[in-house]
Protein backbone atom coordinates (compact mmCIF):
# COMPACT_ATOMS: atom_id res chain seq x y z
CA UNK A 1 -25.17 13.94 -8.16
CA UNK A 2 -25.65 12.93 -4.53
CA UNK A 3 -24.97 9.33 -5.49
CA UNK A 4 -21.76 10.27 -7.33
CA UNK A 5 -20.55 12.44 -4.45
CA UNK A 6 -21.53 9.82 -1.89
CA UNK A 7 -19.68 7.12 -3.81
CA UNK A 8 -16.56 9.29 -3.98
CA UNK A 9 -16.71 10.08 -0.27
CA UNK A 10 -17.24 6.41 0.57
CA UNK A 11 -13.78 5.69 -0.85
CA UNK A 12 -12.35 7.70 2.04
CA UNK A 13 -13.20 4.80 4.35
CA UNK A 14 -12.92 1.68 2.19
CA UNK A 15 -10.57 -1.14 3.35
CA UNK A 16 -8.69 -0.93 0.03
CA UNK A 17 -7.96 2.76 0.75
CA UNK A 18 -6.65 1.76 4.17
CA UNK A 19 -4.48 -0.93 2.59
CA UNK A 20 -2.91 1.56 0.18
CA UNK A 21 -2.42 4.07 2.98
CA UNK A 22 -0.59 1.49 5.10
CA UNK A 23 1.57 0.37 2.17
CA UNK A 24 2.45 4.03 1.51
CA UNK A 25 3.37 4.52 5.18
CA UNK A 26 5.83 1.64 4.78
CA UNK A 27 7.33 3.33 1.71
CA UNK A 28 7.48 6.61 3.64
CA UNK A 29 9.71 4.85 6.17
CA UNK A 30 11.85 3.32 3.42
CA UNK A 31 12.19 6.30 1.11
CA UNK A 32 11.03 9.39 2.96
CA UNK A 33 12.89 8.77 6.21
CA UNK A 34 15.70 6.33 5.33
CA UNK A 35 16.37 7.11 1.67
CA UNK A 36 15.81 3.54 0.45
CA UNK A 37 14.36 3.34 -3.07
CA UNK A 38 11.94 0.47 -2.63
CA UNK A 39 9.93 -0.01 -5.83
CA UNK A 40 8.67 -3.40 -4.72
CA UNK A 41 6.22 -2.88 -1.86
CA UNK A 42 3.92 -4.95 -4.06
CA UNK A 43 6.09 -8.02 -3.43
CA UNK A 44 5.70 -7.65 0.35
CA UNK A 45 1.95 -7.33 -0.09
CA UNK A 46 1.79 -10.30 -2.47
CA UNK A 47 4.00 -12.63 -0.40
CA UNK A 48 1.97 -11.93 2.70
CA UNK A 49 -1.40 -12.16 0.97
CA UNK A 50 -0.49 -15.56 -0.45
CA UNK A 51 1.15 -16.68 2.79
CA UNK A 52 -1.98 -15.76 4.72
CA UNK A 53 -4.52 -17.20 2.29
CA UNK A 54 -2.61 -20.45 1.64
CA UNK A 55 -2.17 -21.00 5.39
CA UNK A 56 -5.91 -20.71 5.92
CA UNK A 57 -7.15 -22.49 2.81
CA UNK A 58 -4.74 -25.41 2.50
CA UNK A 59 -3.19 -25.80 5.96
CA UNK A 60 -6.40 -24.90 7.83
CA UNK A 61 -4.67 -22.53 10.22
CA UNK A 62 -6.67 -20.03 12.21
CA UNK A 63 -6.66 -16.32 11.48
CA UNK A 64 -3.88 -15.33 13.89
CA UNK A 65 -1.50 -18.22 13.04
CA UNK A 66 -1.97 -17.32 9.37
CA UNK A 67 -1.07 -13.69 10.18
CA UNK A 68 2.04 -15.04 11.91
CA UNK A 69 3.00 -16.93 8.75
CA UNK A 70 2.56 -13.73 6.73
CA UNK A 71 4.81 -11.80 9.15
CA UNK A 72 7.53 -14.46 8.93
CA UNK A 73 7.28 -14.42 5.12
CA UNK A 74 7.64 -10.62 5.15
CA UNK A 75 10.77 -10.70 7.31
CA UNK A 76 12.29 -13.44 5.14
CA UNK A 77 11.56 -11.40 1.99
CA UNK A 78 13.16 -8.29 3.54
CA UNK A 79 16.36 -10.20 4.29
CA UNK A 80 16.31 -11.85 0.86
CA UNK A 81 16.10 -8.46 -0.85
CA UNK A 82 18.23 -6.49 1.58
CA UNK A 83 21.28 -8.69 2.14
CA UNK A 84 22.66 -8.42 -1.41
CA UNK A 85 21.64 -4.80 -2.05
CA UNK A 86 21.79 -2.60 1.06
CA UNK A 87 25.58 -2.33 0.98
CA UNK A 88 25.33 -0.95 -2.58
CA UNK A 89 23.85 2.25 -3.97
CA UNK A 90 20.13 2.75 -3.47
CA UNK A 91 19.29 2.28 -7.15
CA UNK A 92 20.32 -1.38 -6.86
CA UNK A 93 17.60 -1.88 -4.25
CA UNK A 94 15.11 -0.25 -6.62
CA UNK A 95 16.05 -2.62 -9.44
CA UNK A 96 15.98 -5.71 -7.24
CA UNK A 97 12.66 -4.91 -5.54
CA UNK A 98 10.71 -4.13 -8.70
CA UNK A 99 12.16 -7.24 -10.37
CA UNK A 100 11.29 -9.39 -7.33
CA UNK A 101 7.68 -8.20 -7.45
CA UNK A 102 7.36 -9.18 -11.10
CA UNK A 103 9.15 -12.53 -10.63
CA UNK A 104 6.91 -13.46 -7.70
CA UNK A 105 3.78 -12.47 -9.63
CA UNK A 106 4.73 -14.64 -12.59
CA UNK A 107 5.61 -17.61 -10.36
CA UNK A 108 2.24 -17.66 -8.57
CA UNK A 109 0.46 -17.23 -11.92
CA UNK A 110 1.98 -20.32 -13.53
CA UNK A 111 -0.15 -23.40 -14.09
CA UNK A 112 2.39 -25.57 -12.24
CA UNK A 113 1.72 -23.54 -9.07
CA UNK A 114 -2.05 -23.62 -9.55
CA UNK A 115 -2.78 -26.40 -7.00
CA UNK A 116 -1.39 -24.16 -4.24
CA UNK A 117 -1.68 -20.56 -5.48
CA UNK A 118 -4.75 -20.92 -7.67
CA UNK A 119 -2.77 -19.86 -10.75
CA UNK A 120 -4.21 -16.97 -12.76
CA UNK A 121 -7.57 -17.37 -10.97
CA UNK A 122 -6.04 -16.73 -7.55
CA UNK A 123 -7.52 -17.77 -4.20
CA UNK A 124 -10.69 -16.97 -2.27
CA UNK A 125 -12.79 -18.24 0.66
CA UNK A 126 -10.21 -17.66 3.38
CA UNK A 127 -11.84 -14.81 5.34
CA UNK A 128 -14.28 -16.81 7.48
CA UNK A 129 -11.99 -16.72 10.52
CA UNK A 130 -11.74 -12.95 10.31
CA UNK A 131 -15.46 -12.33 10.03
CA UNK A 132 -16.14 -14.88 12.78
CA UNK A 133 -14.59 -12.36 15.20
CA UNK A 134 -17.11 -9.68 14.18
CA UNK A 135 -18.90 -8.31 17.28
CA UNK A 136 -21.20 -6.03 15.23
CA UNK A 137 -24.83 -7.27 15.23
CA UNK A 138 -26.21 -8.60 11.97
CA UNK A 139 -28.01 -5.95 9.97
CA UNK A 140 -27.66 -3.03 7.59
CA UNK A 141 -26.15 0.25 8.71
CA UNK A 142 -27.11 3.27 6.60
CA UNK A 143 -25.27 6.57 6.54
CA UNK A 144 -26.48 9.11 3.97
CA UNK A 145 -26.26 7.24 0.62
CA UNK A 146 -24.16 4.41 2.03
CA UNK A 147 -25.48 1.04 3.11
CA UNK A 148 -23.09 -1.37 4.87
CA UNK A 149 -23.79 -4.81 6.23
CA UNK A 150 -22.12 -5.95 9.45
CA UNK A 151 -19.14 -7.54 7.67
CA UNK A 152 -18.43 -4.46 5.54
CA UNK A 153 -18.54 -2.22 8.60
CA UNK A 154 -16.31 -4.57 10.58
CA UNK A 155 -13.72 -4.62 7.78
CA UNK A 156 -13.73 -0.81 7.59
CA UNK A 157 -13.30 -0.39 11.36
CA UNK A 158 -10.51 -2.97 11.62
CA UNK A 159 -8.68 -1.67 8.55
CA UNK A 160 -8.48 1.90 9.78
CA UNK A 161 -7.68 0.80 13.31
CA UNK A 162 -4.64 -1.08 11.94
CA UNK A 163 -3.59 1.97 9.91
CA UNK A 164 -3.92 4.20 12.99
CA UNK A 165 -1.81 1.86 15.12
CA UNK A 166 1.00 1.69 12.57
CA UNK A 167 0.89 5.45 11.92
CA UNK A 168 1.28 6.15 15.64
CA UNK A 169 4.02 3.53 15.89
CA UNK A 170 5.97 5.09 13.02
CA UNK A 171 5.54 8.60 14.45
CA UNK A 172 7.00 7.37 17.76
CA UNK A 173 9.87 5.58 16.01
CA UNK A 174 10.81 8.63 13.93
CA UNK A 175 11.02 10.78 17.06
CA UNK A 176 13.16 8.20 18.87
CA UNK A 177 16.98 7.92 18.77
CA UNK A 178 16.53 5.13 16.21
CA UNK A 179 14.53 7.49 14.00
CA UNK A 180 17.18 10.18 14.23
CA UNK A 181 19.79 7.68 13.06
CA UNK A 182 17.81 6.58 9.99
CA UNK A 183 17.10 10.21 9.06
CA UNK A 184 20.83 10.81 9.37
CA UNK A 185 21.42 7.89 7.00
CA UNK A 186 19.02 9.49 4.53
CA UNK A 187 20.93 12.77 4.65
CA UNK A 188 24.52 11.50 4.78
CA UNK A 189 25.21 7.87 5.58
CA UNK A 190 28.98 8.40 5.55
CA UNK A 191 28.65 10.90 8.39
CA UNK A 192 26.51 8.43 10.37
CA UNK A 193 29.05 5.67 9.70
CA UNK A 194 31.85 7.90 10.98
CA UNK A 195 29.98 8.16 14.29
CA UNK A 196 30.27 4.40 14.75
CA UNK A 197 26.75 3.44 13.70
CA UNK A 198 26.19 0.26 11.69
CA UNK A 199 24.47 1.79 8.68
CA UNK A 200 23.81 -1.58 7.05
CA UNK A 201 22.04 -2.85 10.18
CA UNK A 202 19.85 0.24 10.44
CA UNK A 203 18.91 0.03 6.76
CA UNK A 204 17.93 -3.61 7.22
CA UNK A 205 15.83 -2.75 10.26
CA UNK A 206 14.05 -0.03 8.29
CA UNK A 207 13.45 -2.43 5.39
CA UNK A 208 12.00 -5.05 7.75
CA UNK A 209 9.71 -2.61 9.61
CA UNK A 210 8.44 -1.00 6.40
CA UNK A 211 7.96 -4.47 4.92
CA UNK A 212 5.87 -5.45 7.95
CA UNK A 213 3.60 -2.53 7.18
CA UNK A 214 3.36 -3.93 3.66
CA UNK A 215 2.48 -7.27 5.26
CA UNK A 216 -0.60 -5.96 7.01
CA UNK A 217 -1.46 -3.83 3.99
CA UNK A 218 -1.43 -7.01 1.91
CA UNK A 219 -3.77 -8.74 4.36
CA UNK A 220 -6.16 -5.76 4.46
CA UNK A 221 -6.00 -5.65 0.67
CA UNK A 222 -7.37 -9.18 0.25
CA UNK A 223 -9.64 -9.72 3.27
CA UNK A 224 -12.80 -8.26 1.67
CA UNK A 225 -12.06 -9.67 -1.81
CA UNK A 226 -9.74 -12.39 -3.15
CA UNK A 227 -6.06 -12.91 -3.95
CA UNK A 228 -5.50 -12.21 -7.65
CA UNK A 229 -1.95 -12.24 -9.08
CA UNK A 230 -2.85 -9.54 -11.58
CA UNK A 231 -3.36 -7.08 -8.71
CA UNK A 232 0.35 -7.12 -7.82
CA UNK A 233 1.83 -5.71 -11.00
CA UNK A 234 3.66 -2.45 -11.55
CA UNK A 235 0.33 -0.58 -11.41
CA UNK A 236 0.09 -1.32 -7.68
CA UNK A 237 3.58 0.11 -7.14
CA UNK A 238 2.69 3.18 -9.22
CA UNK A 239 -0.46 3.79 -7.13
CA UNK A 240 1.45 3.53 -3.84
CA UNK A 241 4.17 5.93 -4.96
CA UNK A 242 1.56 8.34 -6.32
CA UNK A 243 -0.16 8.33 -2.93
CA UNK A 244 3.18 8.86 -1.18
CA UNK A 245 4.16 11.82 -3.37
CA UNK A 246 0.68 13.30 -3.15
CA UNK A 247 0.68 13.42 0.64
CA UNK A 248 4.40 14.02 1.20
CA UNK A 249 7.22 11.49 1.29
CA UNK A 250 8.62 12.47 4.69
CA UNK A 251 5.34 12.51 6.59
CA UNK A 252 3.10 9.94 8.23
CA UNK A 253 -0.26 11.67 7.89
CA UNK A 254 0.51 12.45 4.24
CA UNK A 255 0.26 8.80 3.21
CA UNK A 256 -3.16 8.46 4.83
CA UNK A 257 -4.61 11.64 3.37
CA UNK A 258 -2.95 10.93 0.02
CA UNK A 259 -4.67 7.54 -0.20
CA UNK A 260 -8.03 9.09 0.63
CA UNK A 261 -7.65 11.85 -1.96
CA UNK A 262 -6.32 9.49 -4.63
CA UNK A 263 -9.17 6.99 -4.48
CA UNK A 264 -11.86 9.63 -4.01
CA UNK A 265 -10.63 11.55 -7.07
CA UNK A 266 -10.46 8.37 -9.15
CA UNK A 267 -14.04 7.54 -8.20
CA UNK A 268 -15.30 11.10 -8.71
CA UNK A 269 -13.67 11.65 -12.11
CA UNK A 270 -14.70 8.20 -13.33
CA UNK A 271 -18.35 8.64 -12.29
CA UNK A 272 -18.57 12.19 -13.66
CA UNK A 273 -17.12 11.16 -17.03
CA UNK A 274 -19.31 8.06 -17.21
CA UNK A 275 -22.45 10.07 -16.38
CA UNK A 276 -21.51 12.73 -18.92
CA UNK A 277 -21.11 10.11 -21.64
CA UNK A 278 -24.43 8.45 -20.73
CA UNK A 279 -26.50 11.65 -20.82
CA UNK A 280 -24.81 12.99 -23.95
CA UNK A 281 -23.03 15.91 -22.29
CA UNK A 282 -19.67 14.44 -23.31
CA UNK A 283 -19.79 13.39 -26.96
CA UNK A 284 -16.10 12.93 -27.78
CA UNK A 285 -15.66 9.90 -25.48
CA UNK A 286 -17.09 6.39 -25.19
CA UNK A 287 -17.60 4.39 -22.03
CA UNK A 288 -14.62 2.20 -22.96
CA UNK A 289 -12.37 5.28 -22.87
CA UNK A 290 -13.51 6.62 -19.50
CA UNK A 291 -11.15 4.46 -17.47
CA UNK A 292 -8.09 5.57 -19.41
CA UNK A 293 -9.08 9.24 -19.40
CA UNK A 294 -9.52 9.39 -15.64
CA UNK A 295 -6.01 8.04 -15.13
CA UNK A 296 -4.72 10.62 -17.60
CA UNK A 297 -6.37 13.36 -15.55
CA UNK A 298 -4.89 12.00 -12.32
CA UNK A 299 -1.49 11.77 -14.04
CA UNK A 300 -1.71 15.40 -15.14
CA UNK A 301 -2.67 16.43 -11.61
CA UNK A 302 0.33 14.53 -10.24
CA UNK A 303 2.65 16.22 -12.76
CA UNK A 304 1.37 19.63 -11.69
CA UNK A 305 1.82 18.69 -8.05
CA UNK A 306 5.42 17.61 -8.61
CA UNK A 307 6.14 20.83 -10.53
CA UNK A 308 4.50 23.33 -8.18
CA UNK A 309 4.60 21.50 -4.82
CA UNK A 310 7.18 18.71 -5.06
CA UNK A 311 7.15 18.10 -1.30
CA UNK A 312 3.50 17.01 -1.45
CA UNK A 313 0.54 18.34 0.50
CA UNK A 314 2.00 17.90 3.99
CA UNK A 315 5.69 17.63 3.15
CA UNK A 316 8.44 20.05 4.10
CA UNK A 317 10.51 21.35 1.20
CA UNK A 318 13.69 21.05 3.29
CA UNK A 319 13.11 17.29 3.45
CA UNK A 320 13.70 17.07 -0.32
CA UNK A 321 17.40 17.79 0.09
CA UNK A 322 18.68 14.38 1.08
CA UNK A 323 20.88 11.77 -0.49
CA UNK A 324 18.57 9.11 -1.94
């Protein structure tokens, strides 16, 4: 039981949890504060993950120049998606973004793109520059049931440091005059337009800034592992939105706590079900069904949350009454 609990708690700090938290913070800016229905944060993460990894692997750029390429790719994607849609109703942005994520995923998966993108197998071996900056001495660092080497610990520290920086940045932006304008756009963009504000420009700025958060989320997402096109499907978008709704759409801290709870619950339910099947306590399931059942349980929990606390854990119910 200690091992199961320790494994679940370890997900609170994993780099992948930080990546999802940062991606959800970007969606919080888009949807929670600006009222933009972005269902394609996965495309920002994918474009930047591929931009970063290709720059390192094929163009032999260093870590920071490759991050610069990813940032430029993110800004270009925001303009590509935003220019034709932000003057229209928000549901057009939702359609375009989710379609763009799927189109990009299929393009990088094709065999014709394999020499550059790796095709269905994806890309790996691009993280050496990142781990070369690791100041943590070589060794194993044990905490309770956890055992991290120096690279794992470095990735955890950097990931959560990046999340903290962007969370503070967004909190400052929301409390600034710029933040008050975008919240006004969320509530009634016609009223904001009547005050002489360029609503289209502010929407584009929000899309770019939230996309940049998706950029760094995409980099954090692939640094400890590899770039796999299958990871950027609609499931990724569903996870991010689940995390956002769990914590509260119009909050900053909600996305972080939501990501921690989401991944810890997935790990805990999966391990408990798997252990129950192994020791014969649960006889009506097989190991092959455990993965599907745990997502069903999380889905039921999300349904109950939406019914009984639609604003999320940290959200304010008044924030639900806006024009999205």
